[in-house]
């Protein structure tokens, strides 16, 4: 089963990589910068990438993913709840490990997940292995959007319990950038 999943991830990545300018035509949700084997876009364009430039992000190559690319990866559903929430949220999206594989990122890499407001959480391989993290694109059946918790939301399943406030602080919402360190 694990090999089948790995093949599905690789096929989705290959299809995405060889789709000319697909990521730009459909609007990127997440841009990945740093050391990786795969890339599907070139250097930062200071004019068109104004938000990245404003936030002092620069790159020679990146791996950008739109909703279609994220949806092409195997999807995982989680039920996440935290102290003080009115109810659990049913979220779905690709596993972070599948995104790493699609972008050709070394499994030992440290990743920073950056929100639109600049809030960021850094996860080491050990941090990522403690939970089955997903980058959700949907919550309660609806697409995540900017102004809510979108475009993407980093979180994991809480197995019918409530995460502490400290753990919830790692659930970055409005993720638009992943930095490979």
N, C-alpha and C. Protein backbone atom coordinates (compact mmCIF):
# COMPACT_ATOMS: atom_id res chain seq x y z
N UNK A 1 0.83 -1.20 0.00
CA UNK A 1 0.00 0.00 0.00
C UNK A 1 0.87 1.26 0.00
N UNK A 2 1.97 1.20 0.79
CA UNK A 2 2.85 2.36 0.87
C UNK A 2 3.51 2.64 -0.48
N UNK A 3 3.89 1.58 -1.21
CA UNK A 3 4.50 1.77 -2.53
C UNK A 3 3.50 2.34 -3.51
N UNK A 4 2.24 1.89 -3.43
CA UNK A 4 1.21 2.40 -4.31
C UNK A 4 0.99 3.89 -4.07
N UNK A 5 0.99 4.28 -2.81
CA UNK A 5 0.81 5.69 -2.46
C UNK A 5 1.99 6.52 -2.98
N UNK A 6 3.20 5.97 -2.84
CA UNK A 6 4.39 6.68 -3.32
C UNK A 6 4.33 6.86 -4.83
N UNK A 7 3.86 5.84 -5.54
CA UNK A 7 3.72 5.94 -6.99
C UNK A 7 2.68 7.01 -7.35
N UNK A 8 1.57 7.05 -6.61
CA UNK A 8 0.52 8.05 -6.87
C UNK A 8 1.06 9.47 -6.66
N UNK A 9 1.84 9.66 -5.61
CA UNK A 9 2.43 10.98 -5.33
C UNK A 9 3.39 11.37 -6.45
N UNK A 10 4.23 10.44 -6.86
CA UNK A 10 5.20 10.74 -7.91
C UNK A 10 4.50 11.05 -9.24
N UNK A 11 3.45 10.29 -9.58
CA UNK A 11 2.72 10.56 -10.82
C UNK A 11 2.06 11.93 -10.79
N UNK A 12 1.49 12.29 -9.64
CA UNK A 12 0.87 13.61 -9.52
C UNK A 12 1.92 14.71 -9.67
N UNK A 13 3.09 14.50 -9.08
CA UNK A 13 4.17 15.49 -9.19
C UNK A 13 4.67 15.61 -10.62
N UNK A 14 4.84 14.48 -11.29
CA UNK A 14 5.31 14.50 -12.68
C UNK A 14 4.29 15.20 -13.58
N UNK A 15 3.02 14.87 -13.40
CA UNK A 15 1.98 15.51 -14.22
C UNK A 15 1.97 17.01 -13.99
N UNK A 16 2.15 17.43 -12.76
CA UNK A 16 2.15 18.85 -12.44
C UNK A 16 3.38 19.54 -13.01
N UNK A 17 4.54 18.89 -12.87
CA UNK A 17 5.78 19.50 -13.36
C UNK A 17 5.77 19.71 -14.87
N UNK A 18 5.13 18.82 -15.60
CA UNK A 18 5.14 18.91 -17.05
C UNK A 18 3.91 19.60 -17.62
N UNK A 19 3.11 20.20 -16.77
CA UNK A 19 1.97 21.00 -17.23
C UNK A 19 2.46 22.44 -17.36
N UNK A 20 2.60 22.96 -18.57
CA UNK A 20 3.20 24.28 -18.75
C UNK A 20 2.40 25.38 -18.06
N UNK A 21 3.09 26.08 -17.17
CA UNK A 21 2.54 27.25 -16.48
C UNK A 21 1.19 26.99 -15.80
N UNK A 22 0.87 25.73 -15.53
CA UNK A 22 -0.40 25.41 -14.90
C UNK A 22 -0.54 26.10 -13.54
N UNK A 23 0.54 26.14 -12.78
CA UNK A 23 0.45 26.72 -11.45
C UNK A 23 0.06 28.20 -11.51
N UNK A 24 0.52 28.91 -12.53
CA UNK A 24 0.20 30.32 -12.62
C UNK A 24 -1.21 30.55 -13.16
N UNK A 25 -1.64 29.73 -14.10
CA UNK A 25 -2.97 29.90 -14.69
C UNK A 25 -4.07 29.72 -13.67
N UNK A 26 -3.87 28.82 -12.72
CA UNK A 26 -4.91 28.54 -11.73
C UNK A 26 -4.67 29.24 -10.40
N UNK A 27 -3.63 29.99 -10.25
CA UNK A 27 -3.35 30.72 -9.03
C UNK A 27 -2.70 29.86 -7.96
N UNK A 28 -1.48 30.19 -7.62
CA UNK A 28 -0.76 29.44 -6.59
C UNK A 28 -1.41 29.64 -5.22
N UNK A 29 -1.49 28.56 -4.45
CA UNK A 29 -1.91 28.66 -3.06
C UNK A 29 -0.69 28.65 -2.15
N UNK A 30 0.30 27.82 -2.52
CA UNK A 30 1.49 27.66 -1.70
C UNK A 30 2.72 27.69 -2.59
N UNK A 31 3.73 28.41 -2.16
CA UNK A 31 5.01 28.42 -2.83
C UNK A 31 6.04 27.84 -1.86
N UNK A 32 6.87 26.94 -2.38
CA UNK A 32 7.90 26.30 -1.57
C UNK A 32 9.24 26.80 -2.09
N UNK A 33 10.06 27.31 -1.17
CA UNK A 33 11.38 27.82 -1.55
C UNK A 33 12.44 27.15 -0.69
N UNK A 34 13.65 27.09 -1.22
CA UNK A 34 14.76 26.46 -0.51
C UNK A 34 15.28 25.28 -1.29
N UNK A 35 16.02 24.43 -0.62
CA UNK A 35 16.68 23.29 -1.25
C UNK A 35 15.68 22.18 -1.57
N UNK A 36 15.55 21.87 -2.86
CA UNK A 36 14.68 20.78 -3.32
C UNK A 36 15.13 20.32 -4.69
N UNK A 37 14.72 19.13 -5.07
CA UNK A 37 15.12 18.57 -6.36
C UNK A 37 14.21 19.04 -7.49
N UNK A 38 12.94 19.25 -7.22
CA UNK A 38 11.98 19.63 -8.25
C UNK A 38 11.65 21.11 -8.13
N UNK A 39 11.39 21.74 -9.24
CA UNK A 39 10.88 23.11 -9.23
C UNK A 39 10.04 23.30 -10.48
N UNK A 40 9.09 24.21 -10.39
CA UNK A 40 8.23 24.47 -11.55
C UNK A 40 8.05 25.96 -11.80
N UNK A 41 8.89 26.74 -11.16
CA UNK A 41 8.89 28.17 -11.48
C UNK A 41 10.26 28.75 -11.24
N UNK A 42 10.51 29.85 -11.94
CA UNK A 42 11.81 30.48 -11.89
C UNK A 42 11.87 31.57 -10.83
N UNK A 43 12.93 32.30 -10.93
CA UNK A 43 13.28 33.39 -10.00
C UNK A 43 12.07 34.28 -9.64
N UNK A 44 12.13 34.83 -8.46
CA UNK A 44 11.14 35.79 -8.00
C UNK A 44 11.06 36.95 -8.98
N UNK A 45 9.85 37.31 -9.35
CA UNK A 45 9.61 38.47 -10.20
C UNK A 45 9.18 39.60 -9.27
N UNK A 46 10.04 40.59 -9.02
CA UNK A 46 9.73 41.63 -8.04
C UNK A 46 8.40 42.35 -8.27
N UNK A 47 7.97 42.43 -9.53
CA UNK A 47 6.71 43.11 -9.81
C UNK A 47 5.52 42.17 -9.58
N UNK A 48 5.53 41.01 -10.22
CA UNK A 48 4.39 40.09 -10.12
C UNK A 48 4.32 39.37 -8.77
N UNK A 49 5.46 39.20 -8.11
CA UNK A 49 5.52 38.55 -6.81
C UNK A 49 5.65 39.60 -5.70
N UNK A 50 4.85 40.65 -5.81
CA UNK A 50 4.97 41.79 -4.90
C UNK A 50 4.85 41.41 -3.42
N UNK A 51 3.95 40.48 -3.10
CA UNK A 51 3.77 40.10 -1.70
C UNK A 51 5.00 39.37 -1.18
N UNK A 52 5.55 38.47 -1.97
CA UNK A 52 6.78 37.78 -1.57
C UNK A 52 7.93 38.78 -1.43
N UNK A 53 8.04 39.71 -2.35
CA UNK A 53 9.09 40.72 -2.28
C UNK A 53 8.90 41.60 -1.04
N UNK A 54 7.67 42.03 -0.79
CA UNK A 54 7.37 42.84 0.39
C UNK A 54 7.81 42.15 1.68
N UNK A 55 7.69 40.81 1.68
CA UNK A 55 8.07 40.02 2.86
C UNK A 55 9.52 39.53 2.81
N UNK A 56 10.31 40.18 1.95
CA UNK A 56 11.75 39.89 1.83
C UNK A 56 12.04 38.42 1.53
N UNK A 57 11.22 37.83 0.67
CA UNK A 57 11.45 36.45 0.23
C UNK A 57 12.04 36.51 -1.17
N UNK A 58 13.11 35.79 -1.37
CA UNK A 58 13.74 35.76 -2.68
C UNK A 58 14.10 34.32 -2.99
N UNK A 59 14.13 33.97 -4.25
CA UNK A 59 14.48 32.62 -4.66
C UNK A 59 14.87 32.63 -6.13
N UNK A 60 15.67 31.65 -6.49
CA UNK A 60 16.05 31.45 -7.88
C UNK A 60 15.07 30.49 -8.54
N UNK A 61 14.70 29.44 -7.80
CA UNK A 61 13.70 28.47 -8.26
C UNK A 61 12.78 28.16 -7.08
N UNK A 62 11.56 27.78 -7.42
CA UNK A 62 10.58 27.43 -6.38
C UNK A 62 9.68 26.33 -6.91
N UNK A 63 8.90 25.77 -6.01
CA UNK A 63 7.88 24.79 -6.38
C UNK A 63 6.56 25.39 -5.91
N UNK A 64 5.72 25.74 -6.88
CA UNK A 64 4.44 26.37 -6.56
C UNK A 64 3.31 25.37 -6.78
N UNK A 65 2.32 25.41 -5.89
CA UNK A 65 1.19 24.49 -5.99
C UNK A 65 -0.11 25.25 -5.90
N UNK A 66 -0.97 25.00 -6.89
CA UNK A 66 -2.31 25.57 -6.85
C UNK A 66 -3.26 24.52 -6.26
N UNK A 67 -4.53 24.84 -6.17
CA UNK A 67 -5.50 23.92 -5.59
C UNK A 67 -5.55 22.60 -6.37
N UNK A 68 -5.47 22.70 -7.69
CA UNK A 68 -5.52 21.50 -8.52
C UNK A 68 -4.35 20.57 -8.21
N UNK A 69 -3.16 21.13 -8.05
CA UNK A 69 -1.97 20.33 -7.74
C UNK A 69 -2.07 19.72 -6.35
N UNK A 70 -2.54 20.49 -5.38
CA UNK A 70 -2.71 19.96 -4.03
C UNK A 70 -3.77 18.87 -4.01
N UNK A 71 -4.85 19.07 -4.76
CA UNK A 71 -5.92 18.07 -4.81
C UNK A 71 -5.50 16.81 -5.55
N UNK A 72 -4.50 16.90 -6.44
CA UNK A 72 -4.04 15.73 -7.18
C UNK A 72 -3.24 14.77 -6.30
N UNK A 73 -2.73 15.27 -5.18
CA UNK A 73 -2.02 14.41 -4.24
C UNK A 73 -3.04 13.60 -3.43
N UNK A 74 -2.63 12.46 -2.89
CA UNK A 74 -3.56 11.70 -2.04
C UNK A 74 -4.09 12.59 -0.91
N UNK A 75 -5.38 12.51 -0.66
CA UNK A 75 -6.02 13.36 0.35
C UNK A 75 -6.21 12.60 1.66
N UNK A 76 -6.01 13.31 2.75
CA UNK A 76 -6.19 12.75 4.09
C UNK A 76 -7.19 13.63 4.82
N UNK A 77 -8.12 13.00 5.51
CA UNK A 77 -9.10 13.73 6.32
C UNK A 77 -8.74 13.59 7.79
N UNK A 78 -8.89 14.68 8.52
CA UNK A 78 -8.62 14.68 9.96
C UNK A 78 -9.76 15.37 10.69
N UNK A 79 -9.90 15.00 11.94
CA UNK A 79 -10.82 15.69 12.84
C UNK A 79 -9.95 16.39 13.87
N UNK A 80 -9.95 17.71 13.84
CA UNK A 80 -9.09 18.49 14.71
C UNK A 80 -9.93 19.30 15.69
N UNK A 81 -9.51 19.30 16.93
CA UNK A 81 -10.19 20.05 17.96
C UNK A 81 -9.14 20.60 18.91
N UNK A 82 -9.44 21.74 19.51
CA UNK A 82 -8.51 22.36 20.46
C UNK A 82 -9.30 22.95 21.61
N UNK A 83 -8.62 23.11 22.72
CA UNK A 83 -9.25 23.70 23.90
C UNK A 83 -9.89 25.03 23.53
N UNK A 84 -11.14 25.22 23.92
CA UNK A 84 -11.84 26.48 23.68
C UNK A 84 -12.58 26.54 22.35
N UNK A 85 -12.38 25.57 21.48
CA UNK A 85 -13.12 25.57 20.22
C UNK A 85 -14.55 25.13 20.47
N UNK A 86 -15.50 25.67 19.71
CA UNK A 86 -16.90 25.27 19.91
C UNK A 86 -17.17 23.83 19.44
N UNK A 87 -16.36 23.32 18.53
CA UNK A 87 -16.55 21.96 18.01
C UNK A 87 -15.30 21.57 17.20
N UNK A 88 -15.20 20.29 16.89
CA UNK A 88 -14.11 19.81 16.05
C UNK A 88 -14.33 20.26 14.61
N UNK A 89 -13.24 20.36 13.87
CA UNK A 89 -13.28 20.72 12.47
C UNK A 89 -12.85 19.49 11.67
N UNK A 90 -13.60 19.18 10.65
CA UNK A 90 -13.24 18.09 9.73
C UNK A 90 -12.48 18.74 8.58
N UNK A 91 -11.19 18.48 8.51
CA UNK A 91 -10.35 19.12 7.49
C UNK A 91 -9.75 18.05 6.59
N UNK A 92 -9.44 18.45 5.36
CA UNK A 92 -8.82 17.50 4.42
C UNK A 92 -7.82 18.22 3.53
N UNK A 93 -6.84 17.45 3.11
CA UNK A 93 -5.80 17.94 2.22
C UNK A 93 -4.68 16.93 2.16
N UNK A 94 -3.62 17.23 1.43
CA UNK A 94 -2.51 16.29 1.33
C UNK A 94 -1.66 16.26 2.60
N UNK A 95 -1.06 15.11 2.84
CA UNK A 95 -0.11 14.99 3.94
C UNK A 95 1.12 15.81 3.61
N UNK A 96 1.71 16.42 4.61
CA UNK A 96 2.93 17.20 4.41
C UNK A 96 4.01 16.32 3.79
N UNK A 97 4.11 15.07 4.21
CA UNK A 97 5.12 14.18 3.67
C UNK A 97 4.93 13.96 2.17
N UNK A 98 3.68 13.93 1.69
CA UNK A 98 3.43 13.78 0.25
C UNK A 98 3.83 15.04 -0.52
N UNK A 99 3.65 16.20 0.09
CA UNK A 99 4.09 17.45 -0.54
C UNK A 99 5.61 17.46 -0.65
N UNK A 100 6.29 17.01 0.42
CA UNK A 100 7.76 16.93 0.39
C UNK A 100 8.23 16.04 -0.76
N UNK A 101 7.57 14.90 -0.89
CA UNK A 101 7.94 13.96 -1.94
C UNK A 101 7.70 14.55 -3.32
N UNK A 102 6.57 15.22 -3.50
CA UNK A 102 6.25 15.82 -4.80
C UNK A 102 7.28 16.88 -5.19
N UNK A 103 7.74 17.65 -4.22
CA UNK A 103 8.70 18.73 -4.50
C UNK A 103 10.14 18.24 -4.49
N UNK A 104 10.36 16.98 -4.12
CA UNK A 104 11.72 16.46 -4.07
C UNK A 104 12.52 17.04 -2.92
N UNK A 105 11.87 17.18 -1.77
CA UNK A 105 12.52 17.73 -0.59
C UNK A 105 13.00 16.59 0.29
N UNK A 106 14.23 16.69 0.76
CA UNK A 106 14.81 15.68 1.63
C UNK A 106 13.97 15.52 2.89
N UNK A 107 13.72 14.28 3.27
CA UNK A 107 12.88 13.98 4.42
C UNK A 107 13.46 14.53 5.73
N UNK A 108 14.78 14.75 5.77
CA UNK A 108 15.42 15.27 6.98
C UNK A 108 15.34 16.80 7.07
N UNK A 109 14.79 17.43 6.07
CA UNK A 109 14.76 18.90 6.03
C UNK A 109 13.91 19.48 7.17
N UNK A 110 14.28 20.65 7.58
CA UNK A 110 13.48 21.44 8.52
C UNK A 110 12.65 22.40 7.68
N UNK A 111 11.36 22.52 8.00
CA UNK A 111 10.44 23.33 7.22
C UNK A 111 9.83 24.43 8.07
N UNK A 112 9.72 25.61 7.51
CA UNK A 112 8.97 26.70 8.15
C UNK A 112 7.71 26.95 7.34
N UNK A 113 6.57 26.93 8.00
CA UNK A 113 5.27 27.19 7.38
C UNK A 113 4.90 28.61 7.74
N UNK A 114 4.75 29.46 6.72
CA UNK A 114 4.58 30.89 6.93
C UNK A 114 3.17 31.32 6.53
N UNK A 115 2.51 32.03 7.42
CA UNK A 115 1.16 32.54 7.17
C UNK A 115 1.22 33.91 6.52
N UNK A 116 0.10 34.32 5.96
CA UNK A 116 0.02 35.62 5.29
C UNK A 116 0.39 36.78 6.22
N UNK A 117 0.13 36.64 7.53
CA UNK A 117 0.44 37.71 8.47
C UNK A 117 1.87 37.64 8.99
N UNK A 118 2.66 36.67 8.49
CA UNK A 118 4.05 36.54 8.90
C UNK A 118 4.28 35.53 10.02
N UNK A 119 3.20 35.08 10.66
CA UNK A 119 3.34 34.06 11.70
C UNK A 119 3.91 32.80 11.06
N UNK A 120 4.85 32.16 11.74
CA UNK A 120 5.48 30.97 11.17
C UNK A 120 5.76 29.94 12.26
N UNK A 121 5.72 28.70 11.87
CA UNK A 121 6.09 27.59 12.74
C UNK A 121 7.10 26.75 11.99
N UNK A 122 8.14 26.36 12.70
CA UNK A 122 9.19 25.53 12.12
C UNK A 122 9.04 24.11 12.65
N UNK A 123 9.05 23.15 11.72
CA UNK A 123 8.93 21.74 12.09
C UNK A 123 10.15 20.98 11.58
N UNK A 124 10.80 20.27 12.48
CA UNK A 124 11.89 19.38 12.11
C UNK A 124 11.30 18.04 11.67
N UNK A 125 12.14 17.16 11.21
CA UNK A 125 11.67 15.81 10.85
C UNK A 125 11.04 15.15 12.08
N UNK A 126 11.66 15.32 13.23
CA UNK A 126 11.12 14.72 14.46
C UNK A 126 9.74 15.30 14.79
N UNK A 127 9.58 16.61 14.64
CA UNK A 127 8.27 17.25 14.88
C UNK A 127 7.23 16.66 13.93
N UNK A 128 7.61 16.52 12.66
CA UNK A 128 6.66 16.02 11.66
C UNK A 128 6.30 14.56 11.91
N UNK A 129 7.25 13.78 12.44
CA UNK A 129 6.97 12.36 12.65
C UNK A 129 6.11 12.11 13.88
N UNK A 130 5.93 13.12 14.73
CA UNK A 130 5.10 12.95 15.93
C UNK A 130 3.61 12.96 15.63
N UNK A 131 3.23 13.47 14.46
CA UNK A 131 1.82 13.52 14.02
C UNK A 131 1.78 13.34 12.51
N UNK A 132 0.61 13.00 12.00
CA UNK A 132 0.41 12.90 10.56
C UNK A 132 -0.13 14.26 10.09
N UNK A 133 0.78 15.20 9.88
CA UNK A 133 0.43 16.57 9.51
C UNK A 133 -0.16 16.62 8.11
N UNK A 134 -1.17 17.46 7.92
CA UNK A 134 -1.70 17.72 6.58
C UNK A 134 -1.66 19.22 6.33
N UNK A 135 -1.70 19.58 5.06
CA UNK A 135 -1.88 20.97 4.65
C UNK A 135 -3.29 21.02 4.07
N UNK A 136 -4.23 21.33 4.93
CA UNK A 136 -5.65 21.27 4.55
C UNK A 136 -5.99 22.36 3.55
N UNK A 137 -6.83 21.97 2.59
CA UNK A 137 -7.38 22.92 1.62
C UNK A 137 -8.88 23.06 1.81
N UNK A 138 -9.45 22.22 2.67
CA UNK A 138 -10.89 22.24 2.94
C UNK A 138 -11.15 22.01 4.42
N UNK A 139 -12.22 22.60 4.90
CA UNK A 139 -12.68 22.37 6.27
C UNK A 139 -14.20 22.25 6.24
N UNK A 140 -14.69 21.21 6.87
CA UNK A 140 -16.13 20.94 6.90
C UNK A 140 -16.73 20.93 5.50
N UNK A 141 -15.96 20.39 4.54
CA UNK A 141 -16.44 20.23 3.17
C UNK A 141 -16.32 21.45 2.28
N UNK A 142 -15.89 22.57 2.82
CA UNK A 142 -15.78 23.82 2.06
C UNK A 142 -14.32 24.18 1.82
N UNK A 143 -14.04 24.75 0.65
CA UNK A 143 -12.68 25.20 0.35
C UNK A 143 -12.27 26.30 1.33
N UNK A 144 -11.03 26.22 1.80
CA UNK A 144 -10.51 27.27 2.66
C UNK A 144 -10.17 28.49 1.80
N UNK A 145 -10.51 29.64 2.28
CA UNK A 145 -10.29 30.87 1.54
C UNK A 145 -9.57 31.90 2.39
N UNK A 146 -8.94 32.84 1.72
CA UNK A 146 -8.30 33.95 2.43
C UNK A 146 -9.40 34.75 3.12
N UNK A 147 -9.13 35.12 4.34
CA UNK A 147 -10.13 35.80 5.16
C UNK A 147 -10.70 34.85 6.20
N UNK A 148 -10.55 33.57 5.95
CA UNK A 148 -10.91 32.53 6.90
C UNK A 148 -9.62 31.91 7.41
N UNK A 149 -9.47 30.61 7.21
CA UNK A 149 -8.24 29.93 7.63
C UNK A 149 -7.39 29.51 6.43
N UNK A 150 -7.74 30.00 5.25
CA UNK A 150 -7.04 29.60 4.04
C UNK A 150 -6.02 30.63 3.60
N UNK A 151 -5.28 30.33 2.56
CA UNK A 151 -5.62 29.33 1.55
C UNK A 151 -5.34 27.89 1.99
N UNK A 152 -4.38 27.68 2.90
CA UNK A 152 -4.13 26.34 3.42
C UNK A 152 -3.91 26.42 4.92
N UNK A 153 -4.10 25.27 5.58
CA UNK A 153 -4.05 25.22 7.04
C UNK A 153 -3.27 24.00 7.47
N UNK A 154 -2.19 24.20 8.21
CA UNK A 154 -1.36 23.13 8.71
C UNK A 154 -1.94 22.62 10.03
N UNK A 155 -2.30 21.32 10.08
CA UNK A 155 -2.83 20.75 11.30
C UNK A 155 -2.79 19.22 11.25
N UNK A 156 -3.23 18.59 12.32
CA UNK A 156 -3.24 17.12 12.40
C UNK A 156 -4.47 16.66 13.17
N UNK A 157 -4.73 15.36 13.08
CA UNK A 157 -5.88 14.75 13.74
C UNK A 157 -5.65 14.71 15.25
N UNK A 158 -6.68 15.04 16.02
CA UNK A 158 -6.55 15.01 17.48
C UNK A 158 -7.21 13.79 18.10
N UNK A 159 -7.69 12.87 17.28
CA UNK A 159 -8.22 11.58 17.76
C UNK A 159 -9.27 11.76 18.87
N UNK A 160 -10.30 12.53 18.59
CA UNK A 160 -11.42 12.73 19.51
C UNK A 160 -11.03 13.37 20.84
N UNK A 161 -9.92 14.08 20.87
CA UNK A 161 -9.56 14.83 22.05
C UNK A 161 -9.30 16.27 21.63
N UNK A 162 -8.99 17.11 22.57
CA UNK A 162 -8.73 18.52 22.26
C UNK A 162 -7.25 18.82 22.46
N UNK A 163 -6.65 19.42 21.47
CA UNK A 163 -5.25 19.82 21.57
C UNK A 163 -5.13 20.97 22.58
N UNK A 164 -3.99 21.06 23.21
CA UNK A 164 -3.74 22.17 24.12
C UNK A 164 -3.53 23.45 23.31
N UNK A 165 -3.60 24.58 23.98
CA UNK A 165 -3.35 25.85 23.30
C UNK A 165 -1.94 25.88 22.74
N UNK A 166 -0.99 25.28 23.45
CA UNK A 166 0.40 25.22 22.98
C UNK A 166 0.51 24.42 21.68
N UNK A 167 -0.19 23.29 21.61
CA UNK A 167 -0.17 22.49 20.38
C UNK A 167 -0.91 23.20 19.25
N UNK A 168 -2.04 23.82 19.57
CA UNK A 168 -2.81 24.52 18.55
C UNK A 168 -2.00 25.66 17.93
N UNK A 169 -1.09 26.25 18.70
CA UNK A 169 -0.26 27.35 18.19
C UNK A 169 0.62 26.90 17.02
N UNK A 170 0.82 25.58 16.87
CA UNK A 170 1.60 25.04 15.75
C UNK A 170 0.73 24.86 14.50
N UNK A 171 -0.57 25.00 14.63
CA UNK A 171 -1.50 24.81 13.51
C UNK A 171 -1.62 26.12 12.74
N UNK A 172 -0.68 26.36 11.89
CA UNK A 172 -0.64 27.63 11.16
C UNK A 172 -1.76 27.64 10.11
N UNK A 173 -2.58 28.69 10.14
CA UNK A 173 -3.59 28.85 9.10
C UNK A 173 -3.16 30.03 8.22
N UNK A 174 -3.75 30.09 7.05
CA UNK A 174 -3.37 31.07 6.02
C UNK A 174 -1.94 30.85 5.53
N UNK A 175 -1.52 29.58 5.47
CA UNK A 175 -0.18 29.26 4.98
C UNK A 175 -0.12 29.52 3.48
N UNK A 176 0.87 30.30 3.08
CA UNK A 176 1.09 30.57 1.65
C UNK A 176 2.51 30.23 1.23
N UNK A 177 3.40 29.99 2.21
CA UNK A 177 4.81 29.79 1.91
C UNK A 177 5.37 28.70 2.81
N UNK A 178 6.16 27.80 2.21
CA UNK A 178 6.91 26.81 2.96
C UNK A 178 8.38 27.04 2.62
N UNK A 179 9.19 27.24 3.65
CA UNK A 179 10.61 27.50 3.47
C UNK A 179 11.37 26.25 3.91
N UNK A 180 12.15 25.70 2.99
CA UNK A 180 12.98 24.52 3.28
C UNK A 180 14.31 25.03 3.81
N UNK A 181 14.64 24.64 5.02
CA UNK A 181 15.89 25.13 5.65
C UNK A 181 16.93 24.04 5.72
